[in-house]
Amino acid sequence: MNNRYYANVQGPEPNAILACLKIAKKIVADDSDVKCIVLYSYTKNNFNTVLQIFGDDAVNRMFSQPIRFKGIDKPIQCLTERTYKDWSQPTSIVICCHMGSKDIKKVDDFRSAKYVMAVSWLKDELAGWVKRWNAECVYGNVIQNVSSENDNQALLKISHRYSTFLPPLILSKL
């Protein structure tokens, strides 16, 4: 079983995080060593896409403690570079939210990160990391090329369709 995954997207894309959570749900069902799913980024300000999925209250609570959601066997927690302490973390699936490959390579060295999932901010930012680990795309295959017009607008895209759902409703679709 592969332990490195990626979503090669452009800009803030909630579907990429949801795709990672779907894979994580399958992994925790099969691997009893995994104790937690960690959504990881640079700072608290970098969790806007996660906010679109879970909502403000849930994300704020996930910064202080792992939270269980119906449909996923293990709790989910939000951690930053500053708050992730490798030596004190349980064995985890770490979903790197919109980080560069240089910083994702640091996560590869975390002893507690049994599985690493990387969601890029810029298309093809993860090419070296993907090649090094032979990472699997969470979409089942590599994203098709889209027109340059869509690429330019993707950085400005803000999706409101997720903010009206309750987290258990979203996660039940995983």
N, C-alpha and C. Protein backbone atom coordinates (compact mmCIF):
# COMPACT_ATOMS: atom_id res chain seq x y z
N MET A 1 0.84 -1.18 0.00
CA MET A 1 0.00 0.00 0.00
C MET A 1 0.89 1.25 0.00
N ASN A 2 0.52 2.17 -0.83
CA ASN A 2 1.25 3.43 -0.93
C ASN A 2 1.01 4.27 0.32
N ASN A 3 2.01 5.05 0.75
CA ASN A 3 1.80 5.91 1.91
C ASN A 3 2.03 7.39 1.58
N ARG A 4 2.09 7.73 0.29
CA ARG A 4 2.21 9.12 -0.14
C ARG A 4 1.16 9.39 -1.22
N TYR A 5 0.43 10.48 -1.03
CA TYR A 5 -0.65 10.86 -1.95
C TYR A 5 -0.56 12.34 -2.24
N TYR A 6 -1.17 12.78 -3.33
CA TYR A 6 -1.16 14.19 -3.67
C TYR A 6 -2.40 14.57 -4.46
N ALA A 7 -2.69 15.87 -4.43
CA ALA A 7 -3.73 16.47 -5.26
C ALA A 7 -3.08 17.65 -5.97
N ASN A 8 -2.95 17.54 -7.26
CA ASN A 8 -2.28 18.57 -8.05
C ASN A 8 -3.33 19.58 -8.52
N VAL A 9 -3.57 20.58 -7.69
CA VAL A 9 -4.61 21.56 -7.98
C VAL A 9 -4.03 22.96 -8.06
N GLN A 10 -4.84 23.88 -8.47
CA GLN A 10 -4.45 25.29 -8.57
C GLN A 10 -5.34 26.09 -7.63
N GLY A 11 -4.76 26.68 -6.62
CA GLY A 11 -5.50 27.56 -5.72
C GLY A 11 -6.31 26.81 -4.67
N PRO A 12 -7.21 27.53 -4.01
CA PRO A 12 -8.00 26.94 -2.93
C PRO A 12 -9.10 26.03 -3.48
N GLU A 13 -8.93 24.76 -3.36
CA GLU A 13 -9.87 23.80 -3.91
C GLU A 13 -10.36 22.83 -2.83
N PRO A 14 -11.56 23.06 -2.29
CA PRO A 14 -12.08 22.18 -1.23
C PRO A 14 -12.20 20.72 -1.66
N ASN A 15 -12.47 20.48 -2.94
CA ASN A 15 -12.59 19.09 -3.40
C ASN A 15 -11.30 18.32 -3.22
N ALA A 16 -10.16 18.98 -3.27
CA ALA A 16 -8.88 18.30 -3.07
C ALA A 16 -8.75 17.83 -1.61
N ILE A 17 -9.14 18.68 -0.68
CA ILE A 17 -9.10 18.30 0.74
C ILE A 17 -10.09 17.16 0.99
N LEU A 18 -11.29 17.26 0.40
CA LEU A 18 -12.29 16.20 0.55
C LEU A 18 -11.79 14.87 -0.03
N ALA A 19 -11.11 14.94 -1.17
CA ALA A 19 -10.56 13.72 -1.77
C ALA A 19 -9.51 13.09 -0.85
N CYS A 20 -8.68 13.91 -0.22
CA CYS A 20 -7.69 13.40 0.74
C CYS A 20 -8.38 12.77 1.95
N LEU A 21 -9.44 13.41 2.43
CA LEU A 21 -10.18 12.85 3.57
C LEU A 21 -10.85 11.53 3.21
N LYS A 22 -11.28 11.41 1.97
CA LYS A 22 -11.89 10.15 1.52
C LYS A 22 -10.87 9.02 1.55
N ILE A 23 -9.65 9.29 1.05
CA ILE A 23 -8.58 8.30 1.10
C ILE A 23 -8.20 8.01 2.55
N ALA A 24 -8.12 9.04 3.38
CA ALA A 24 -7.78 8.87 4.80
C ALA A 24 -8.81 7.99 5.50
N LYS A 25 -10.07 8.16 5.15
CA LYS A 25 -11.13 7.34 5.74
C LYS A 25 -10.89 5.86 5.44
N LYS A 26 -10.49 5.55 4.21
CA LYS A 26 -10.20 4.16 3.84
C LYS A 26 -8.98 3.64 4.58
N ILE A 27 -7.97 4.49 4.71
CA ILE A 27 -6.73 4.07 5.38
C ILE A 27 -6.99 3.75 6.85
N VAL A 28 -7.70 4.62 7.56
CA VAL A 28 -7.92 4.39 9.00
C VAL A 28 -8.79 3.16 9.23
N ALA A 29 -9.62 2.82 8.27
CA ALA A 29 -10.42 1.60 8.40
C ALA A 29 -9.56 0.35 8.32
N ASP A 30 -8.44 0.44 7.58
CA ASP A 30 -7.56 -0.71 7.36
C ASP A 30 -6.32 -0.74 8.23
N ASP A 31 -5.88 0.39 8.76
CA ASP A 31 -4.63 0.48 9.50
C ASP A 31 -4.89 0.93 10.94
N SER A 32 -4.82 -0.01 11.85
CA SER A 32 -5.11 0.30 13.26
C SER A 32 -4.01 1.11 13.93
N ASP A 33 -2.83 1.23 13.29
CA ASP A 33 -1.74 2.04 13.86
C ASP A 33 -2.06 3.53 13.82
N VAL A 34 -2.84 3.95 12.86
CA VAL A 34 -3.16 5.37 12.70
C VAL A 34 -4.14 5.79 13.79
N LYS A 35 -3.77 6.82 14.52
CA LYS A 35 -4.58 7.29 15.64
C LYS A 35 -5.29 8.61 15.37
N CYS A 36 -4.83 9.37 14.34
CA CYS A 36 -5.37 10.70 14.12
C CYS A 36 -5.12 11.13 12.67
N ILE A 37 -5.98 12.01 12.17
CA ILE A 37 -5.78 12.65 10.88
C ILE A 37 -5.44 14.10 11.18
N VAL A 38 -4.32 14.57 10.65
CA VAL A 38 -3.86 15.93 10.91
C VAL A 38 -3.96 16.75 9.63
N LEU A 39 -4.67 17.87 9.71
CA LEU A 39 -4.67 18.87 8.64
C LEU A 39 -3.58 19.86 9.01
N TYR A 40 -2.56 19.96 8.16
CA TYR A 40 -1.33 20.67 8.52
C TYR A 40 -1.06 21.79 7.53
N SER A 41 -0.68 22.97 8.05
CA SER A 41 -0.32 24.09 7.18
C SER A 41 0.64 25.02 7.92
N TYR A 42 1.02 26.11 7.23
CA TYR A 42 2.00 27.05 7.78
C TYR A 42 1.51 27.73 9.06
N THR A 43 0.34 28.37 8.98
CA THR A 43 -0.22 29.10 10.12
C THR A 43 -1.73 28.90 10.14
N LYS A 44 -2.37 29.37 11.19
CA LYS A 44 -3.83 29.28 11.28
C LYS A 44 -4.52 30.02 10.13
N ASN A 45 -3.88 31.05 9.61
CA ASN A 45 -4.47 31.81 8.51
C ASN A 45 -4.51 31.04 7.20
N ASN A 46 -3.82 29.91 7.10
CA ASN A 46 -3.76 29.13 5.87
C ASN A 46 -4.82 28.03 5.81
N PHE A 47 -5.80 28.07 6.67
CA PHE A 47 -6.83 27.03 6.71
C PHE A 47 -8.16 27.49 6.11
N ASN A 48 -8.14 28.46 5.21
CA ASN A 48 -9.38 28.96 4.62
C ASN A 48 -10.15 27.89 3.87
N THR A 49 -9.46 27.02 3.15
CA THR A 49 -10.14 25.96 2.42
C THR A 49 -10.76 24.96 3.39
N VAL A 50 -10.07 24.68 4.48
CA VAL A 50 -10.61 23.79 5.50
C VAL A 50 -11.83 24.42 6.16
N LEU A 51 -11.80 25.73 6.36
CA LEU A 51 -12.95 26.45 6.91
C LEU A 51 -14.18 26.30 6.02
N GLN A 52 -13.98 26.29 4.71
CA GLN A 52 -15.10 26.13 3.78
C GLN A 52 -15.76 24.76 3.92
N ILE A 53 -15.00 23.78 4.32
CA ILE A 53 -15.52 22.42 4.46
C ILE A 53 -16.18 22.22 5.82
N PHE A 54 -15.48 22.58 6.89
CA PHE A 54 -15.95 22.26 8.24
C PHE A 54 -16.67 23.40 8.95
N GLY A 55 -16.42 24.63 8.55
CA GLY A 55 -17.01 25.77 9.25
C GLY A 55 -16.10 26.30 10.35
N ASP A 56 -16.33 27.55 10.73
CA ASP A 56 -15.47 28.24 11.71
C ASP A 56 -15.40 27.53 13.06
N ASP A 57 -16.55 27.17 13.61
CA ASP A 57 -16.57 26.59 14.95
C ASP A 57 -15.78 25.29 15.03
N ALA A 58 -16.01 24.41 14.07
CA ALA A 58 -15.32 23.11 14.09
C ALA A 58 -13.82 23.30 13.93
N VAL A 59 -13.39 24.16 13.01
CA VAL A 59 -11.96 24.36 12.79
C VAL A 59 -11.31 24.98 14.03
N ASN A 60 -11.96 25.94 14.63
CA ASN A 60 -11.40 26.55 15.86
C ASN A 60 -11.24 25.50 16.95
N ARG A 61 -12.18 24.59 17.07
CA ARG A 61 -12.06 23.51 18.06
C ARG A 61 -10.95 22.53 17.68
N MET A 62 -10.78 22.28 16.37
CA MET A 62 -9.75 21.34 15.92
C MET A 62 -8.34 21.88 16.16
N PHE A 63 -8.20 23.20 16.34
CA PHE A 63 -6.88 23.74 16.68
C PHE A 63 -6.48 23.37 18.11
N SER A 64 -7.45 23.19 18.99
CA SER A 64 -7.11 22.90 20.38
C SER A 64 -7.15 21.41 20.71
N GLN A 65 -7.93 20.63 19.95
CA GLN A 65 -8.01 19.20 20.24
C GLN A 65 -8.55 18.45 19.02
N PRO A 66 -8.22 17.18 18.90
CA PRO A 66 -8.78 16.40 17.80
C PRO A 66 -10.29 16.22 17.99
N ILE A 67 -11.02 16.27 16.90
CA ILE A 67 -12.48 16.13 16.95
C ILE A 67 -12.90 14.96 16.08
N ARG A 68 -13.84 14.20 16.59
CA ARG A 68 -14.39 13.08 15.82
C ARG A 68 -15.60 13.56 15.01
N PHE A 69 -15.68 13.04 13.79
CA PHE A 69 -16.82 13.32 12.92
C PHE A 69 -17.46 11.99 12.55
N LYS A 70 -18.76 12.01 12.47
CA LYS A 70 -19.50 10.82 12.09
C LYS A 70 -19.05 10.36 10.70
N GLY A 71 -18.74 9.09 10.58
CA GLY A 71 -18.33 8.55 9.30
C GLY A 71 -16.83 8.34 9.15
N ILE A 72 -16.04 8.93 10.05
CA ILE A 72 -14.59 8.72 10.02
C ILE A 72 -14.19 8.16 11.38
N ASP A 73 -13.46 7.04 11.35
CA ASP A 73 -13.15 6.30 12.58
C ASP A 73 -12.17 6.99 13.51
N LYS A 74 -11.38 7.90 13.00
CA LYS A 74 -10.35 8.56 13.82
C LYS A 74 -10.62 10.06 13.88
N PRO A 75 -10.16 10.72 14.94
CA PRO A 75 -10.37 12.17 15.06
C PRO A 75 -9.50 12.96 14.08
N ILE A 76 -9.93 14.18 13.82
CA ILE A 76 -9.22 15.10 12.92
C ILE A 76 -8.77 16.30 13.73
N GLN A 77 -7.53 16.74 13.49
CA GLN A 77 -7.00 17.91 14.19
C GLN A 77 -6.29 18.82 13.20
N CYS A 78 -6.37 20.13 13.44
CA CYS A 78 -5.64 21.13 12.65
C CYS A 78 -4.38 21.52 13.42
N LEU A 79 -3.23 21.42 12.76
CA LEU A 79 -1.96 21.81 13.37
C LEU A 79 -1.15 22.64 12.39
N THR A 80 -0.30 23.48 12.92
CA THR A 80 0.56 24.34 12.11
C THR A 80 2.02 23.93 12.30
N GLU A 81 2.90 24.56 11.53
CA GLU A 81 4.33 24.29 11.70
C GLU A 81 4.75 24.52 13.15
N ARG A 82 4.17 25.50 13.76
CA ARG A 82 4.54 25.86 15.13
C ARG A 82 3.96 24.90 16.17
N THR A 83 2.75 24.38 15.93
CA THR A 83 2.10 23.55 16.94
C THR A 83 2.30 22.05 16.75
N TYR A 84 2.79 21.63 15.60
CA TYR A 84 3.02 20.20 15.36
C TYR A 84 4.32 19.81 16.03
N LYS A 85 4.23 19.02 17.06
CA LYS A 85 5.40 18.52 17.78
C LYS A 85 5.52 17.03 17.48
N ASP A 86 6.44 16.69 16.59
CA ASP A 86 6.55 15.31 16.11
C ASP A 86 6.73 14.31 17.25
N TRP A 87 7.52 14.64 18.23
CA TRP A 87 7.81 13.71 19.31
C TRP A 87 6.59 13.41 20.17
N SER A 88 5.58 14.27 20.17
CA SER A 88 4.42 14.03 21.03
C SER A 88 3.16 13.65 20.26
N GLN A 89 3.24 13.55 18.95
CA GLN A 89 2.07 13.23 18.14
C GLN A 89 1.90 11.72 18.01
N PRO A 90 0.65 11.26 18.02
CA PRO A 90 0.42 9.85 17.74
C PRO A 90 0.63 9.57 16.25
N THR A 91 0.70 8.33 15.87
CA THR A 91 0.85 7.95 14.47
C THR A 91 -0.33 8.54 13.70
N SER A 92 -0.01 9.28 12.62
CA SER A 92 -1.03 10.08 11.96
C SER A 92 -0.98 9.97 10.44
N ILE A 93 -2.08 10.39 9.85
CA ILE A 93 -2.13 10.73 8.43
C ILE A 93 -2.03 12.24 8.41
N VAL A 94 -1.02 12.78 7.75
CA VAL A 94 -0.83 14.23 7.70
C VAL A 94 -1.22 14.72 6.31
N ILE A 95 -2.22 15.60 6.27
CA ILE A 95 -2.66 16.21 5.02
C ILE A 95 -2.09 17.63 4.99
N CYS A 96 -1.11 17.84 4.15
CA CYS A 96 -0.45 19.15 4.02
C CYS A 96 -1.32 20.03 3.13
N CYS A 97 -1.87 21.07 3.71
CA CYS A 97 -2.83 21.92 3.01
C CYS A 97 -2.13 23.11 2.35
N HIS A 98 -2.00 23.06 1.04
CA HIS A 98 -1.49 24.16 0.22
C HIS A 98 -0.09 24.60 0.64
N MET A 99 0.81 23.65 0.70
CA MET A 99 2.19 23.92 1.07
C MET A 99 3.11 23.61 -0.10
N GLY A 100 4.29 24.18 -0.07
CA GLY A 100 5.29 23.93 -1.11
C GLY A 100 6.00 22.61 -0.87
N SER A 101 6.64 22.09 -1.91
CA SER A 101 7.29 20.78 -1.81
C SER A 101 8.44 20.79 -0.80
N LYS A 102 9.12 21.92 -0.64
CA LYS A 102 10.21 22.02 0.33
C LYS A 102 9.71 21.74 1.74
N ASP A 103 8.54 22.30 2.07
CA ASP A 103 7.98 22.11 3.41
C ASP A 103 7.35 20.74 3.57
N ILE A 104 6.83 20.19 2.49
CA ILE A 104 6.26 18.85 2.55
C ILE A 104 7.37 17.82 2.77
N LYS A 105 8.54 18.08 2.23
CA LYS A 105 9.67 17.18 2.44
C LYS A 105 10.06 17.12 3.92
N LYS A 106 9.84 18.22 4.66
CA LYS A 106 10.10 18.20 6.10
C LYS A 106 9.15 17.23 6.80
N VAL A 107 7.90 17.20 6.33
CA VAL A 107 6.90 16.31 6.92
C VAL A 107 7.28 14.85 6.70
N ASP A 108 7.94 14.57 5.58
CA ASP A 108 8.41 13.20 5.31
C ASP A 108 9.30 12.69 6.43
N ASP A 109 9.99 13.58 7.11
CA ASP A 109 10.91 13.18 8.19
C ASP A 109 10.22 13.03 9.55
N PHE A 110 8.96 13.40 9.65
CA PHE A 110 8.26 13.25 10.92
C PHE A 110 8.04 11.76 11.21
N ARG A 111 8.46 11.32 12.37
CA ARG A 111 8.26 9.91 12.74
C ARG A 111 6.79 9.57 12.88
N SER A 112 5.99 10.52 13.32
CA SER A 112 4.57 10.25 13.56
C SER A 112 3.74 10.26 12.29
N ALA A 113 4.28 10.74 11.19
CA ALA A 113 3.53 10.82 9.92
C ALA A 113 3.71 9.51 9.15
N LYS A 114 2.79 8.59 9.35
CA LYS A 114 2.87 7.31 8.65
C LYS A 114 2.43 7.46 7.19
N TYR A 115 1.46 8.33 6.97
CA TYR A 115 0.97 8.64 5.62
C TYR A 115 1.03 10.15 5.43
N VAL A 116 1.45 10.58 4.26
CA VAL A 116 1.52 12.01 3.95
C VAL A 116 0.72 12.25 2.68
N MET A 117 -0.17 13.24 2.76
CA MET A 117 -0.96 13.67 1.60
C MET A 117 -0.66 15.14 1.38
N ALA A 118 -0.38 15.49 0.14
CA ALA A 118 0.00 16.87 -0.18
C ALA A 118 -1.01 17.47 -1.14
N VAL A 119 -1.52 18.63 -0.76
CA VAL A 119 -2.41 19.40 -1.64
C VAL A 119 -1.64 20.65 -2.02
N SER A 120 -1.37 20.79 -3.31
CA SER A 120 -0.55 21.91 -3.77
C SER A 120 -1.37 23.20 -3.82
N TRP A 121 -0.67 24.30 -3.90
CA TRP A 121 -1.30 25.61 -4.11
C TRP A 121 -1.16 26.00 -5.57
N LEU A 122 0.00 25.70 -6.13
CA LEU A 122 0.27 25.98 -7.54
C LEU A 122 0.39 24.66 -8.29
N LYS A 123 -0.20 24.60 -9.44
CA LYS A 123 -0.14 23.40 -10.26
C LYS A 123 1.31 23.01 -10.52
N ASP A 124 1.59 21.76 -10.42
CA ASP A 124 2.91 21.17 -10.66
C ASP A 124 3.96 21.54 -9.62
N GLU A 125 3.57 22.15 -8.51
CA GLU A 125 4.51 22.48 -7.43
C GLU A 125 5.09 21.21 -6.79
N LEU A 126 4.36 20.13 -6.86
CA LEU A 126 4.75 18.90 -6.17
C LEU A 126 5.46 17.89 -7.06
N ALA A 127 5.79 18.26 -8.28
CA ALA A 127 6.32 17.29 -9.26
C ALA A 127 7.52 16.51 -8.71
N GLY A 128 8.48 17.18 -8.10
CA GLY A 128 9.66 16.50 -7.57
C GLY A 128 9.32 15.55 -6.43
N TRP A 129 8.46 16.00 -5.53
CA TRP A 129 8.05 15.18 -4.40
C TRP A 129 7.27 13.95 -4.89
N VAL A 130 6.38 14.14 -5.83
CA VAL A 130 5.59 13.04 -6.38
C VAL A 130 6.49 12.00 -7.03
N LYS A 131 7.46 12.46 -7.79
CA LYS A 131 8.38 11.55 -8.47
C LYS A 131 9.24 10.79 -7.46
N ARG A 132 9.73 11.50 -6.46
CA ARG A 132 10.60 10.88 -5.44
C ARG A 132 9.89 9.73 -4.72
N TRP A 133 8.63 9.93 -4.34
CA TRP A 133 7.90 8.95 -3.54
C TRP A 133 6.97 8.08 -4.37
N ASN A 134 6.90 8.34 -5.67
CA ASN A 134 5.94 7.65 -6.53
C ASN A 134 4.53 7.78 -5.92
N ALA A 135 4.21 9.01 -5.53
CA ALA A 135 2.95 9.30 -4.86
C ALA A 135 1.77 9.06 -5.79
N GLU A 136 0.67 8.70 -5.18
CA GLU A 136 -0.56 8.39 -5.90
C GLU A 136 -1.49 9.59 -5.86
N CYS A 137 -2.09 9.91 -6.98
CA CYS A 137 -3.02 11.04 -7.04
C CYS A 137 -4.34 10.65 -6.36
N VAL A 138 -4.86 11.52 -5.51
CA VAL A 138 -6.09 11.22 -4.78
C VAL A 138 -7.31 11.19 -5.69
N TYR A 139 -7.17 11.69 -6.89
CA TYR A 139 -8.26 11.66 -7.84
C TYR A 139 -8.24 10.39 -8.68
N GLY A 140 -7.32 9.48 -8.42
CA GLY A 140 -7.24 8.24 -9.16
C GLY A 140 -6.35 8.33 -10.38
N ASN A 141 -6.12 9.51 -10.87
CA ASN A 141 -5.20 9.73 -11.98
C ASN A 141 -4.75 11.17 -11.94
N VAL A 142 -3.83 11.52 -12.80
CA VAL A 142 -3.31 12.88 -12.82
C VAL A 142 -4.39 13.80 -13.38
N ILE A 143 -4.51 14.97 -12.83
CA ILE A 143 -5.50 15.94 -13.28
C ILE A 143 -5.25 16.28 -14.75
N GLN A 144 -6.30 16.34 -15.50
CA GLN A 144 -6.19 16.71 -16.90
C GLN A 144 -5.77 18.17 -17.01
N ASN A 145 -5.10 18.52 -18.10
CA ASN A 145 -4.75 19.91 -18.34
C ASN A 145 -6.02 20.71 -18.57
N VAL A 146 -6.09 21.87 -17.94
CA VAL A 146 -7.24 22.75 -18.14
C VAL A 146 -6.75 23.98 -18.89
N SER A 147 -7.69 24.74 -19.41
CA SER A 147 -7.29 25.90 -20.19
C SER A 147 -6.59 26.92 -19.30
N SER A 148 -5.74 27.73 -19.90
CA SER A 148 -5.00 28.74 -19.14
C SER A 148 -5.94 29.77 -18.55
N GLU A 149 -7.09 29.99 -19.18
CA GLU A 149 -8.07 30.94 -18.62
C GLU A 149 -8.57 30.43 -17.28
N ASN A 150 -8.86 29.14 -17.17
CA ASN A 150 -9.31 28.57 -15.91
C ASN A 150 -8.19 28.59 -14.87
N ASP A 151 -6.93 28.35 -15.28
CA ASP A 151 -5.80 28.39 -14.36
C ASP A 151 -5.65 29.78 -13.74
N ASN A 152 -5.80 30.82 -14.55
CA ASN A 152 -5.64 32.17 -14.04
C ASN A 152 -6.74 32.54 -13.07
N GLN A 153 -7.94 32.06 -13.30
CA GLN A 153 -9.06 32.40 -12.43
C GLN A 153 -9.09 31.54 -11.18
N ALA A 154 -8.42 30.38 -11.19
CA ALA A 154 -8.49 29.46 -10.07
C ALA A 154 -7.95 30.08 -8.78
N LEU A 155 -6.96 30.95 -8.87
CA LEU A 155 -6.43 31.57 -7.66
C LEU A 155 -7.42 32.52 -7.03
N LEU A 156 -8.36 33.02 -7.82
CA LEU A 156 -9.34 33.96 -7.31
C LEU A 156 -10.64 33.28 -6.90
N LYS A 157 -10.78 32.03 -7.25
CA LYS A 157 -12.03 31.32 -7.03
C LYS A 157 -12.28 31.13 -5.53
N ILE A 158 -13.48 31.43 -5.11
CA ILE A 158 -13.89 31.18 -3.73
C ILE A 158 -15.18 30.38 -3.80
N SER A 159 -15.20 29.25 -3.16
CA SER A 159 -16.35 28.38 -3.22
C SER A 159 -17.19 28.55 -1.97
N HIS A 160 -18.42 28.95 -2.15
CA HIS A 160 -19.33 29.11 -1.02
C HIS A 160 -20.24 27.90 -0.85
N ARG A 161 -20.21 26.97 -1.77
CA ARG A 161 -21.14 25.85 -1.72
C ARG A 161 -20.90 24.95 -0.52
N TYR A 162 -19.70 24.97 0.05
CA TYR A 162 -19.41 24.10 1.18
C TYR A 162 -19.76 24.74 2.52
N SER A 163 -19.83 26.05 2.56
CA SER A 163 -20.00 26.73 3.85
C SER A 163 -21.39 26.54 4.43
N THR A 164 -22.37 26.12 3.63
CA THR A 164 -23.71 25.97 4.15
C THR A 164 -23.98 24.57 4.69
N PHE A 165 -23.10 23.62 4.45
CA PHE A 165 -23.30 22.26 4.91
C PHE A 165 -22.72 22.07 6.29
N LEU A 166 -23.33 21.18 7.05
CA LEU A 166 -22.76 20.79 8.33
C LEU A 166 -21.69 19.74 8.07
N PRO A 167 -20.62 19.73 8.84
CA PRO A 167 -19.53 18.78 8.60
C PRO A 167 -19.99 17.32 8.51
N PRO A 168 -20.87 16.82 9.41
CA PRO A 168 -21.26 15.42 9.29
C PRO A 168 -21.94 15.13 7.95
N LEU A 169 -22.66 16.11 7.42
CA LEU A 169 -23.32 15.92 6.14
C LEU A 169 -22.30 15.78 5.03
N ILE A 170 -21.27 16.62 5.04
CA ILE A 170 -20.22 16.54 4.04
C ILE A 170 -19.45 15.25 4.18
N LEU A 171 -19.05 14.92 5.39
CA LEU A 171 -18.23 13.75 5.61
C LEU A 171 -18.98 12.46 5.35
N SER A 172 -20.31 12.48 5.46
CA SER A 172 -21.07 11.27 5.17
C SER A 172 -21.02 10.93 3.69
N LYS A 173 -20.66 11.92 2.85
CA LYS A 173 -20.55 11.68 1.41
C LYS A 173 -19.19 11.11 1.02
N LEU A 174 -18.27 11.03 1.98
CA LEU A 174 -16.92 10.52 1.67
C LEU A 174 -16.96 9.06 1.36
